[in-house]
């Protein structure tokens, strides 16, 4: 019974290009988050002399919290930057565009 769903999944993956793109997008998001976590962890390990085994759960919890805070800050900062770019572009051109850089502009 387990082989049929796996086969159907693989056939869908091979056949549907938009499905492959969605999966790739999710994989890229996850890898981006892991790269931020690795960067934060490498910075933190240079700063601390505590043994990794002692309090490892607390360290991992704190790492997740810091990474989530960084992702939230980046999201808010990018949204503010895009809003400012849209406002400035609308002021210059007199139009209200949905994207900061429409195709053909």
PDB file of N, CA and C in Angstrom:
ATOM      1  N   UNK A   1       0.822  -1.197   0.000  1.00  0.00           N
ATOM      2  CA  UNK A   1       0.000   0.000   0.000  1.00  0.00           C
ATOM      3  C   UNK A   1       0.861   1.254   0.000  1.00  0.00           C
ATOM      4  N   UNK A   2       2.007   1.262   0.638  1.00  0.00           N
ATOM      5  CA  UNK A   2       2.847   2.445   0.704  1.00  0.00           C
ATOM      6  C   UNK A   2       3.506   2.802  -0.612  1.00  0.00           C
ATOM      7  N   UNK A   3       3.646   1.852  -1.512  1.00  0.00           N
ATOM      8  CA  UNK A   3       4.312   2.120  -2.785  1.00  0.00           C
ATOM      9  C   UNK A   3       3.425   2.894  -3.749  1.00  0.00           C
ATOM     10  N   UNK A   4       2.132   2.684  -3.686  1.00  0.00           N
ATOM     11  CA  UNK A   4       1.222   3.367  -4.606  1.00  0.00           C
ATOM     12  C   UNK A   4       1.239   4.882  -4.375  1.00  0.00           C
ATOM     13  N   UNK A   5       1.072   5.381  -3.124  1.00  0.00           N
ATOM     14  CA  UNK A   5       1.144   6.834  -2.923  1.00  0.00           C
ATOM     15  C   UNK A   5       2.503   7.415  -3.311  1.00  0.00           C
ATOM     16  N   UNK A   6       3.567   6.676  -3.031  1.00  0.00           N
ATOM     17  CA  UNK A   6       4.905   7.164  -3.387  1.00  0.00           C
ATOM     18  C   UNK A   6       5.051   7.251  -4.906  1.00  0.00           C
ATOM     19  N   UNK A   7       4.543   6.250  -5.615  1.00  0.00           N
ATOM     20  CA  UNK A   7       4.603   6.268  -7.075  1.00  0.00           C
ATOM     21  C   UNK A   7       3.777   7.417  -7.641  1.00  0.00           C
ATOM     22  N   UNK A   8       2.580   7.623  -7.094  1.00  0.00           N
ATOM     23  CA  UNK A   8       1.733   8.734  -7.547  1.00  0.00           C
ATOM     24  C   UNK A   8       2.407  10.079  -7.292  1.00  0.00           C
ATOM     25  N   UNK A   9       3.049  10.204  -6.139  1.00  0.00           N
ATOM     26  CA  UNK A   9       3.773  11.436  -5.827  1.00  0.00           C
ATOM     27  C   UNK A   9       4.884  11.680  -6.841  1.00  0.00           C
ATOM     28  N   UNK A  10       5.671  10.647  -7.121  1.00  0.00           N
ATOM     29  CA  UNK A  10       6.781  10.796  -8.066  1.00  0.00           C
ATOM     30  C   UNK A  10       6.283  11.133  -9.466  1.00  0.00           C
ATOM     31  N   UNK A  11       5.200  10.502  -9.898  1.00  0.00           N
ATOM     32  CA  UNK A  11       4.641  10.808 -11.212  1.00  0.00           C
ATOM     33  C   UNK A  11       4.140  12.247 -11.278  1.00  0.00           C
ATOM     34  N   UNK A  12       3.495  12.699 -10.215  1.00  0.00           N
ATOM     35  CA  UNK A  12       3.041  14.090 -10.156  1.00  0.00           C
ATOM     36  C   UNK A  12       4.230  15.039 -10.178  1.00  0.00           C
ATOM     37  N   UNK A  13       5.258  14.719  -9.428  1.00  0.00           N
ATOM     38  CA  UNK A  13       6.458  15.549  -9.376  1.00  0.00           C
ATOM     39  C   UNK A  13       7.110  15.651 -10.757  1.00  0.00           C
ATOM     40  N   UNK A  14       7.188  14.537 -11.466  1.00  0.00           N
ATOM     41  CA  UNK A  14       7.810  14.528 -12.793  1.00  0.00           C
ATOM     42  C   UNK A  14       6.946  15.271 -13.809  1.00  0.00           C
ATOM     43  N   UNK A  15       5.645  15.127 -13.701  1.00  0.00           N
ATOM     44  CA  UNK A  15       4.738  15.662 -14.716  1.00  0.00           C
ATOM     45  C   UNK A  15       4.409  17.135 -14.538  1.00  0.00           C
ATOM     46  N   UNK A  16       4.315  17.621 -13.315  1.00  0.00           N
ATOM     47  CA  UNK A  16       3.804  18.967 -13.038  1.00  0.00           C
ATOM     48  C   UNK A  16       4.949  19.924 -12.705  1.00  0.00           C
ATOM     49  N   UNK A  17       5.258  20.832 -13.625  1.00  0.00           N
ATOM     50  CA  UNK A  17       6.371  21.760 -13.426  1.00  0.00           C
ATOM     51  C   UNK A  17       6.082  22.767 -12.309  1.00  0.00           C
ATOM     52  N   UNK A  18       4.853  23.246 -12.212  1.00  0.00           N
ATOM     53  CA  UNK A  18       4.524  24.205 -11.154  1.00  0.00           C
ATOM     54  C   UNK A  18       4.646  23.557  -9.769  1.00  0.00           C
ATOM     55  N   UNK A  19       4.311  22.280  -9.673  1.00  0.00           N
ATOM     56  CA  UNK A  19       4.459  21.546  -8.410  1.00  0.00           C
ATOM     57  C   UNK A  19       5.932  21.447  -8.017  1.00  0.00           C
ATOM     58  N   UNK A  20       6.789  21.158  -9.005  1.00  0.00           N
ATOM     59  CA  UNK A  20       8.232  21.105  -8.739  1.00  0.00           C
ATOM     60  C   UNK A  20       8.752  22.455  -8.275  1.00  0.00           C
ATOM     61  N   UNK A  21       8.266  23.524  -8.874  1.00  0.00           N
ATOM     62  CA  UNK A  21       8.706  24.868  -8.472  1.00  0.00           C
ATOM     63  C   UNK A  21       8.292  25.182  -7.037  1.00  0.00           C
ATOM     64  N   UNK A  22       7.058  24.813  -6.682  1.00  0.00           N
ATOM     65  CA  UNK A  22       6.596  25.058  -5.312  1.00  0.00           C
ATOM     66  C   UNK A  22       7.447  24.295  -4.306  1.00  0.00           C
ATOM     67  N   UNK A  23       7.764  23.044  -4.624  1.00  0.00           N
ATOM     68  CA  UNK A  23       8.603  22.246  -3.726  1.00  0.00           C
ATOM     69  C   UNK A  23       9.992  22.856  -3.612  1.00  0.00           C
ATOM     70  N   UNK A  24      10.566  23.279  -4.741  1.00  0.00           N
ATOM     71  CA  UNK A  24      11.886  23.892  -4.728  1.00  0.00           C
ATOM     72  C   UNK A  24      11.889  25.186  -3.915  1.00  0.00           C
ATOM     73  N   UNK A  25      10.828  25.962  -4.030  1.00  0.00           N
ATOM     74  CA  UNK A  25      10.714  27.196  -3.243  1.00  0.00           C
ATOM     75  C   UNK A  25      10.731  26.887  -1.752  1.00  0.00           C
ATOM     76  N   UNK A  26       9.969  25.886  -1.334  1.00  0.00           N
ATOM     77  CA  UNK A  26       9.942  25.509   0.079  1.00  0.00           C
ATOM     78  C   UNK A  26      11.300  24.996   0.544  1.00  0.00           C
ATOM     79  N   UNK A  27      11.958  24.197  -0.297  1.00  0.00           N
ATOM     80  CA  UNK A  27      13.285  23.707   0.068  1.00  0.00           C
ATOM     81  C   UNK A  27      14.281  24.850   0.208  1.00  0.00           C
ATOM     82  N   UNK A  28      14.204  25.827  -0.685  1.00  0.00           N
ATOM     83  CA  UNK A  28      15.108  26.978  -0.607  1.00  0.00           C
ATOM     84  C   UNK A  28      14.858  27.800   0.656  1.00  0.00           C
ATOM     85  N   UNK A  29      13.597  27.956   1.037  1.00  0.00           N
ATOM     86  CA  UNK A  29      13.285  28.694   2.269  1.00  0.00           C
ATOM     87  C   UNK A  29      13.864  27.985   3.489  1.00  0.00           C
ATOM     88  N   UNK A  30      13.701  26.680   3.516  1.00  0.00           N
ATOM     89  CA  UNK A  30      14.237  25.916   4.646  1.00  0.00           C
ATOM     90  C   UNK A  30      15.750  25.994   4.700  1.00  0.00           C
ATOM     91  N   UNK A  31      16.397  25.886   3.546  1.00  0.00           N
ATOM     92  CA  UNK A  31      17.858  25.957   3.511  1.00  0.00           C
ATOM     93  C   UNK A  31      18.349  27.350   3.900  1.00  0.00           C
ATOM     94  N   UNK A  32      17.620  28.382   3.501  1.00  0.00           N
ATOM     95  CA  UNK A  32      17.997  29.743   3.887  1.00  0.00           C
ATOM     96  C   UNK A  32      17.931  29.911   5.399  1.00  0.00           C
ATOM     97  N   UNK A  33      16.881  29.370   6.016  1.00  0.00           N
ATOM     98  CA  UNK A  33      16.765  29.468   7.466  1.00  0.00           C
ATOM     99  C   UNK A  33      17.904  28.718   8.148  1.00  0.00           C
ATOM    100  N   UNK A  34      18.255  27.552   7.612  1.00  0.00           N
ATOM    101  CA  UNK A  34      19.356  26.785   8.197  1.00  0.00           C
ATOM    102  C   UNK A  34      20.690  27.499   8.040  1.00  0.00           C
ATOM    103  N   UNK A  35      20.884  28.204   6.938  1.00  0.00           N
ATOM    104  CA  UNK A  35      22.141  28.932   6.766  1.00  0.00           C
ATOM    105  C   UNK A  35      22.238  30.081   7.761  1.00  0.00           C
ATOM    106  N   UNK A  36      21.106  30.739   8.047  1.00  0.00           N
ATOM    107  CA  UNK A  36      21.111  31.790   9.074  1.00  0.00           C
ATOM    108  C   UNK A  36      21.414  31.171  10.434  1.00  0.00           C
ATOM    109  N   UNK A  37      20.808  30.019  10.723  1.00  0.00           N
ATOM    110  CA  UNK A  37      21.061  29.356  12.006  1.00  0.00           C
ATOM    111  C   UNK A  37      22.526  28.959  12.135  1.00  0.00           C
ATOM    112  N   UNK A  38      23.122  28.460  11.048  1.00  0.00           N
ATOM    113  CA  UNK A  38      24.551  28.109  11.101  1.00  0.00           C
ATOM    114  C   UNK A  38      25.413  29.338  11.356  1.00  0.00           C
ATOM    115  N   UNK A  39      25.076  30.459  10.718  1.00  0.00           N
ATOM    116  CA  UNK A  39      25.847  31.683  10.918  1.00  0.00           C
ATOM    117  C   UNK A  39      25.731  32.175  12.356  1.00  0.00           C
ATOM    118  N   UNK A  40      24.513  32.154  12.894  1.00  0.00           N
ATOM    119  CA  UNK A  40      24.309  32.591  14.282  1.00  0.00           C
ATOM    120  C   UNK A  40      25.037  31.647  15.234  1.00  0.00           C
ATOM    121  N   UNK A  41      24.936  30.355  14.993  1.00  0.00           N
ATOM    122  CA  UNK A  41      25.583  29.383  15.868  1.00  0.00           C
ATOM    123  C   UNK A  41      27.101  29.515  15.815  1.00  0.00           C
ATOM    124  N   UNK A  42      27.663  29.732  14.638  1.00  0.00           N
ATOM    125  CA  UNK A  42      29.119  29.871  14.560  1.00  0.00           C
ATOM    126  C   UNK A  42      29.584  31.131  15.284  1.00  0.00           C
ATOM    127  N   UNK A  43      28.776  32.206  15.221  1.00  0.00           N
ATOM    128  CA  UNK A  43      29.117  33.418  15.961  1.00  0.00           C
ATOM    129  C   UNK A  43      29.000  33.161  17.462  1.00  0.00           C
ATOM    130  N   UNK A  44      27.952  32.456  17.869  1.00  0.00           N
ATOM    131  CA  UNK A  44      27.725  32.209  19.293  1.00  0.00           C
ATOM    132  C   UNK A  44      28.779  31.287  19.882  1.00  0.00           C
ATOM    133  N   UNK A  45      29.243  30.303  19.121  1.00  0.00           N
ATOM    134  CA  UNK A  45      30.230  29.387  19.678  1.00  0.00           C
ATOM    135  C   UNK A  45      31.585  30.056  19.860  1.00  0.00           C
ATOM    136  N   UNK A  46      31.857  31.082  19.095  1.00  0.00           N
ATOM    137  CA  UNK A  46      33.092  31.827  19.320  1.00  0.00           C
ATOM    138  C   UNK A  46      32.993  32.676  20.583  1.00  0.00           C
ATOM    139  N   UNK A  47      31.771  33.019  20.975  1.00  0.00           N
ATOM    140  CA  UNK A  47      31.554  33.903  22.116  1.00  0.00           C
ATOM    141  C   UNK A  47      31.429  33.165  23.444  1.00  0.00           C
ATOM    142  N   UNK A  48      31.134  31.897  23.410  1.00  0.00           N
ATOM    143  CA  UNK A  48      30.893  31.173  24.654  1.00  0.00           C
ATOM    144  C   UNK A  48      31.913  30.060  24.832  1.00  0.00           C
ATOM    145  N   UNK A  49      32.187  29.734  26.063  1.00  0.00           N
ATOM    146  CA  UNK A  49      33.129  28.648  26.352  1.00  0.00           C
ATOM    147  C   UNK A  49      32.429  27.470  27.007  1.00  0.00           C
ATOM    148  N   UNK A  50      31.104  27.539  27.117  1.00  0.00           N
ATOM    149  CA  UNK A  50      30.351  26.464  27.765  1.00  0.00           C
ATOM    150  C   UNK A  50      30.405  25.207  26.914  1.00  0.00           C
ATOM    151  N   UNK A  51      30.393  24.086  27.578  1.00  0.00           N
ATOM    152  CA  UNK A  51      30.398  22.804  26.867  1.00  0.00           C
ATOM    153  C   UNK A  51      29.094  22.647  26.114  1.00  0.00           C
ATOM    154  N   UNK A  52      29.164  22.057  24.940  1.00  0.00           N
ATOM    155  CA  UNK A  52      27.984  21.910  24.102  1.00  0.00           C
ATOM    156  C   UNK A  52      26.979  20.970  24.749  1.00  0.00           C
ATOM    157  N   UNK A  53      27.464  19.911  25.389  1.00  0.00           N
ATOM    158  CA  UNK A  53      26.539  18.932  25.959  1.00  0.00           C
ATOM    159  C   UNK A  53      25.770  19.490  27.152  1.00  0.00           C
ATOM    160  N   UNK A  54      26.358  20.426  27.882  1.00  0.00           N
ATOM    161  CA  UNK A  54      25.698  20.986  29.048  1.00  0.00           C
ATOM    162  C   UNK A  54      24.718  22.077  28.604  1.00  0.00           C
ATOM    163  N   UNK A  55      23.458  21.868  28.860  1.00  0.00           N
ATOM    164  CA  UNK A  55      22.442  22.853  28.506  1.00  0.00           C
ATOM    165  C   UNK A  55      22.193  22.937  27.008  1.00  0.00           C
ATOM    166  N   UNK A  56      22.389  21.849  26.290  1.00  0.00           N
ATOM    167  CA  UNK A  56      22.266  21.869  24.834  1.00  0.00           C
ATOM    168  C   UNK A  56      20.843  22.218  24.394  1.00  0.00           C
ATOM    169  N   UNK A  57      19.849  21.727  25.119  1.00  0.00           N
ATOM    170  CA  UNK A  57      18.472  22.037  24.763  1.00  0.00           C
ATOM    171  C   UNK A  57      18.209  23.536  24.892  1.00  0.00           C
ATOM    172  N   UNK A  58      18.733  24.151  25.957  1.00  0.00           N
ATOM    173  CA  UNK A  58      18.559  25.591  26.139  1.00  0.00           C
ATOM    174  C   UNK A  58      19.252  26.366  25.032  1.00  0.00           C
ATOM    175  N   UNK A  59      20.443  25.911  24.638  1.00  0.00           N
ATOM    176  CA  UNK A  59      21.172  26.589  23.577  1.00  0.00           C
ATOM    177  C   UNK A  59      20.426  26.490  22.250  1.00  0.00           C
ATOM    178  N   UNK A  60      19.873  25.315  21.960  1.00  0.00           N
ATOM    179  CA  UNK A  60      19.128  25.154  20.715  1.00  0.00           C
ATOM    180  C   UNK A  60      17.843  25.970  20.732  1.00  0.00           C
ATOM    181  N   UNK A  61      17.190  26.028  21.876  1.00  0.00           N
ATOM    182  CA  UNK A  61      15.986  26.852  21.991  1.00  0.00           C
ATOM    183  C   UNK A  61      16.293  28.317  21.789  1.00  0.00           C
ATOM    184  N   UNK A  62      17.392  28.772  22.388  1.00  0.00           N
ATOM    185  CA  UNK A  62      17.793  30.170  22.214  1.00  0.00           C
ATOM    186  C   UNK A  62      18.182  30.440  20.767  1.00  0.00           C
ATOM    187  N   UNK A  63      18.843  29.485  20.128  1.00  0.00           N
ATOM    188  CA  UNK A  63      19.220  29.639  18.722  1.00  0.00           C
ATOM    189  C   UNK A  63      17.974  29.797  17.855  1.00  0.00           C
ATOM    190  N   UNK A  64      16.967  28.959  18.085  1.00  0.00           N
ATOM    191  CA  UNK A  64      15.716  29.080  17.330  1.00  0.00           C
ATOM    192  C   UNK A  64      15.049  30.416  17.543  1.00  0.00           C
ATOM    193  N   UNK A  65      15.063  30.905  18.773  1.00  0.00           N
ATOM    194  CA  UNK A  65      14.467  32.196  19.078  1.00  0.00           C
ATOM    195  C   UNK A  65      15.198  33.325  18.362  1.00  0.00           C
ATOM    196  N   UNK A  66      16.527  33.286  18.384  1.00  0.00           N
ATOM    197  CA  UNK A  66      17.320  34.325  17.721  1.00  0.00           C
ATOM    198  C   UNK A  66      17.094  34.289  16.214  1.00  0.00           C
ATOM    199  N   UNK A  67      17.092  33.097  15.627  1.00  0.00           N
ATOM    200  CA  UNK A  67      16.876  32.986  14.181  1.00  0.00           C
ATOM    201  C   UNK A  67      15.489  33.491  13.814  1.00  0.00           C
ATOM    202  N   UNK A  68      14.474  33.146  14.587  1.00  0.00           N
ATOM    203  CA  UNK A  68      13.120  33.639  14.313  1.00  0.00           C
ATOM    204  C   UNK A  68      13.048  35.158  14.430  1.00  0.00           C
ATOM    205  N   UNK A  69      13.751  35.731  15.394  1.00  0.00           N
ATOM    206  CA  UNK A  69      13.773  37.189  15.538  1.00  0.00           C
ATOM    207  C   UNK A  69      14.452  37.836  14.330  1.00  0.00           C
ATOM    208  N   UNK A  70      15.525  37.239  13.838  1.00  0.00           N
ATOM    209  CA  UNK A  70      16.217  37.772  12.661  1.00  0.00           C
ATOM    210  C   UNK A  70      15.311  37.709  11.435  1.00  0.00           C
ATOM    211  N   UNK A  71      14.629  36.589  11.249  1.00  0.00           N
ATOM    212  CA  UNK A  71      13.726  36.439  10.112  1.00  0.00           C
ATOM    213  C   UNK A  71      12.591  37.456  10.190  1.00  0.00           C
ATOM    214  N   UNK A  72      12.021  37.655  11.377  1.00  0.00           N
ATOM    215  CA  UNK A  72      10.952  38.636  11.552  1.00  0.00           C
ATOM    216  C   UNK A  72      11.448  40.036  11.246  1.00  0.00           C
ATOM    217  N   UNK A  73      12.615  40.413  11.777  1.00  0.00           N
ATOM    218  CA  UNK A  73      13.163  41.746  11.539  1.00  0.00           C
ATOM    219  C   UNK A  73      13.412  41.961  10.049  1.00  0.00           C
ATOM    220  N   UNK A  74      14.005  40.958   9.375  1.00  0.00           N
ATOM    221  CA  UNK A  74      14.262  41.078   7.938  1.00  0.00           C
ATOM    222  C   UNK A  74      12.968  41.237   7.153  1.00  0.00           C
ATOM    223  N   UNK A  75      11.943  40.490   7.540  1.00  0.00           N
ATOM    224  CA  UNK A  75      10.657  40.583   6.855  1.00  0.00           C
ATOM    225  C   UNK A  75      10.055  41.971   7.018  1.00  0.00           C
ATOM    226  N   UNK A  76      10.050  42.491   8.236  1.00  0.00           N
ATOM    227  CA  UNK A  76       9.499  43.824   8.472  1.00  0.00           C
ATOM    228  C   UNK A  76      10.316  44.903   7.769  1.00  0.00           C
ATOM    229  N   UNK A  77      11.636  44.773   7.794  1.00  0.00           N
ATOM    230  CA  UNK A  77      12.515  45.747   7.147  1.00  0.00           C
ATOM    231  C   UNK A  77      12.313  45.745   5.636  1.00  0.00           C
ATOM    232  N   UNK A  78      12.233  44.561   5.040  1.00  0.00           N
ATOM    233  CA  UNK A  78      12.037  44.474   3.595  1.00  0.00           C
ATOM    234  C   UNK A  78      10.668  45.020   3.193  1.00  0.00           C
ATOM    235  N   UNK A  79       9.649  44.755   3.978  1.00  0.00           N
ATOM    236  CA  UNK A  79       8.319  45.287   3.687  1.00  0.00           C
ATOM    237  C   UNK A  79       8.323  46.809   3.745  1.00  0.00           C
ATOM    238  N   UNK A  80       8.998  47.375   4.738  1.00  0.00           N
ATOM    239  CA  UNK A  80       9.086  48.834   4.838  1.00  0.00           C
ATOM    240  C   UNK A  80       9.859  49.410   3.650  1.00  0.00           C
ATOM    241  N   UNK A  81      10.938  48.750   3.245  1.00  0.00           N
ATOM    242  CA  UNK A  81      11.726  49.225   2.109  1.00  0.00           C
ATOM    243  C   UNK A  81      10.908  49.166   0.822  1.00  0.00           C
ATOM    244  N   UNK A  82      10.164  48.070   0.610  1.00  0.00           N
ATOM    245  CA  UNK A  82       9.332  47.959  -0.583  1.00  0.00           C
ATOM    246  C   UNK A  82       8.217  48.994  -0.592  1.00  0.00           C
ATOM    247  N   UNK A  83       7.618  49.248   0.566  1.00  0.00           N
ATOM    248  CA  UNK A  83       6.575  50.259   0.655  1.00  0.00           C
ATOM    249  C   UNK A  83       7.134  51.635   0.308  1.00  0.00           C
ATOM    250  N   UNK A  84       8.313  51.950   0.807  1.00  0.00           N
ATOM    251  CA  UNK A  84       8.943  53.231   0.502  1.00  0.00           C
ATOM    252  C   UNK A  84       9.263  53.333  -0.994  1.00  0.00           C
ATOM    253  N   UNK A  85       9.779  52.248  -1.587  1.00  0.00           N
ATOM    254  CA  UNK A  85      10.079  52.263  -3.019  1.00  0.00           C
ATOM    255  C   UNK A  85       8.819  52.456  -3.848  1.00  0.00           C
ATOM    256  N   UNK A  86       7.734  51.793  -3.467  1.00  0.00           N
ATOM    257  CA  UNK A  86       6.469  51.952  -4.196  1.00  0.00           C
ATOM    258  C   UNK A  86       5.952  53.370  -4.083  1.00  0.00           C
ATOM    259  N   UNK A  87       6.064  53.943  -2.890  1.00  0.00           N
ATOM    260  CA  UNK A  87       5.590  55.310  -2.666  1.00  0.00           C
ATOM    261  C   UNK A  87       6.398  56.298  -3.494  1.00  0.00           C
ATOM    262  N   UNK A  88       7.716  56.160  -3.490  1.00  0.00           N
ATOM    263  CA  UNK A  88       8.564  57.070  -4.258  1.00  0.00           C
ATOM    264  C   UNK A  88       8.316  56.921  -5.753  1.00  0.00           C
ATOM    265  N   UNK A  89       8.129  55.691  -6.215  1.00  0.00           N
ATOM    266  CA  UNK A  89       7.874  55.469  -7.633  1.00  0.00           C
ATOM    267  C   UNK A  89       6.522  56.051  -8.025  1.00  0.00           C
ATOM    268  N   UNK A  90       5.519  55.882  -7.179  1.00  0.00           N
ATOM    269  CA  UNK A  90       4.192  56.432  -7.467  1.00  0.00           C
ATOM    270  C   UNK A  90       4.248  57.953  -7.488  1.00  0.00           C
ATOM    271  N   UNK A  91       5.032  58.539  -6.605  1.00  0.00           N
ATOM    272  CA  UNK A  91       5.162  59.987  -6.559  1.00  0.00           C
ATOM    273  C   UNK A  91       5.842  60.511  -7.828  1.00  0.00           C
ATOM    274  N   UNK A  92       6.863  59.788  -8.310  1.00  0.00           N
ATOM    275  CA  UNK A  92       7.594  60.219  -9.502  1.00  0.00           C
ATOM    276  C   UNK A  92       6.778  60.044 -10.769  1.00  0.00           C
ATOM    277  N   UNK A  93       6.133  58.899 -10.916  1.00  0.00           N
ATOM    278  CA  UNK A  93       5.448  58.585 -12.164  1.00  0.00           C
ATOM    279  C   UNK A  93       3.970  58.947 -12.143  1.00  0.00           C
ATOM    280  N   UNK A  94       3.420  59.154 -10.981  1.00  0.00           N
ATOM    281  CA  UNK A  94       2.002  59.469 -10.888  1.00  0.00           C
ATOM    282  C   UNK A  94       1.101  58.253 -10.992  1.00  0.00           C
ATOM    283  N   UNK A  95       1.671  57.052 -10.936  1.00  0.00           N
ATOM    284  CA  UNK A  95       0.846  55.838 -10.991  1.00  0.00           C
ATOM    285  C   UNK A  95       1.075  55.010  -9.732  1.00  0.00           C
ATOM    286  N   UNK A  96       0.105  54.212  -9.422  1.00  0.00           N
ATOM    287  CA  UNK A  96       0.217  53.317  -8.279  1.00  0.00           C
ATOM    288  C   UNK A  96       0.383  51.912  -8.813  1.00  0.00           C
ATOM    289  N   UNK A  97       1.588  51.410  -8.749  1.00  0.00           N
ATOM    290  CA  UNK A  97       1.896  50.080  -9.271  1.00  0.00           C
ATOM    291  C   UNK A  97       1.896  49.081  -8.123  1.00  0.00           C
ATOM    292  N   UNK A  98       1.568  47.851  -8.444  1.00  0.00           N
ATOM    293  CA  UNK A  98       1.552  46.808  -7.417  1.00  0.00           C
ATOM    294  C   UNK A  98       2.955  46.353  -7.054  1.00  0.00           C
ATOM    295  N   UNK A  99       3.853  46.328  -8.018  1.00  0.00           N
ATOM    296  CA  UNK A  99       5.211  45.872  -7.770  1.00  0.00           C
ATOM    297  C   UNK A  99       6.162  47.028  -7.931  1.00  0.00           C
ATOM    298  N   UNK A 100       7.302  47.003  -7.229  1.00  0.00           N
ATOM    299  CA  UNK A 100       8.217  48.126  -7.319  1.00  0.00           C
ATOM    300  C   UNK A 100       8.873  48.246  -8.693  1.00  0.00           C
ATOM    301  N   UNK A 101       9.021  47.132  -9.434  1.00  0.00           N
ATOM    302  CA  UNK A 101       9.674  47.162 -10.729  1.00  0.00           C
ATOM    303  C   UNK A 101       8.838  46.370 -11.733  1.00  0.00           C
ATOM    304  N   UNK A 102       7.790  46.983 -12.292  1.00  0.00           N
ATOM    305  CA  UNK A 102       6.978  46.237 -13.246  1.00  0.00           C
ATOM    306  C   UNK A 102       7.776  45.929 -14.515  1.00  0.00           C
ATOM    307  N   UNK A 103       7.402  44.857 -15.168  1.00  0.00           N
ATOM    308  CA  UNK A 103       8.082  44.457 -16.398  1.00  0.00           C
ATOM    309  C   UNK A 103       7.844  45.518 -17.465  1.00  0.00           C
ATOM    310  N   UNK A 104       8.916  45.895 -18.143  1.00  0.00           N
ATOM    311  CA  UNK A 104       8.813  46.869 -19.227  1.00  0.00           C
ATOM    312  C   UNK A 104       8.913  48.309 -18.762  1.00  0.00           C
ATOM    313  N   UNK A 105       9.114  48.532 -17.490  1.00  0.00           N
ATOM    314  CA  UNK A 105       9.185  49.910 -17.003  1.00  0.00           C
ATOM    315  C   UNK A 105      10.596  50.437 -17.061  1.00  0.00           C
TER     316      UNK A 105
END
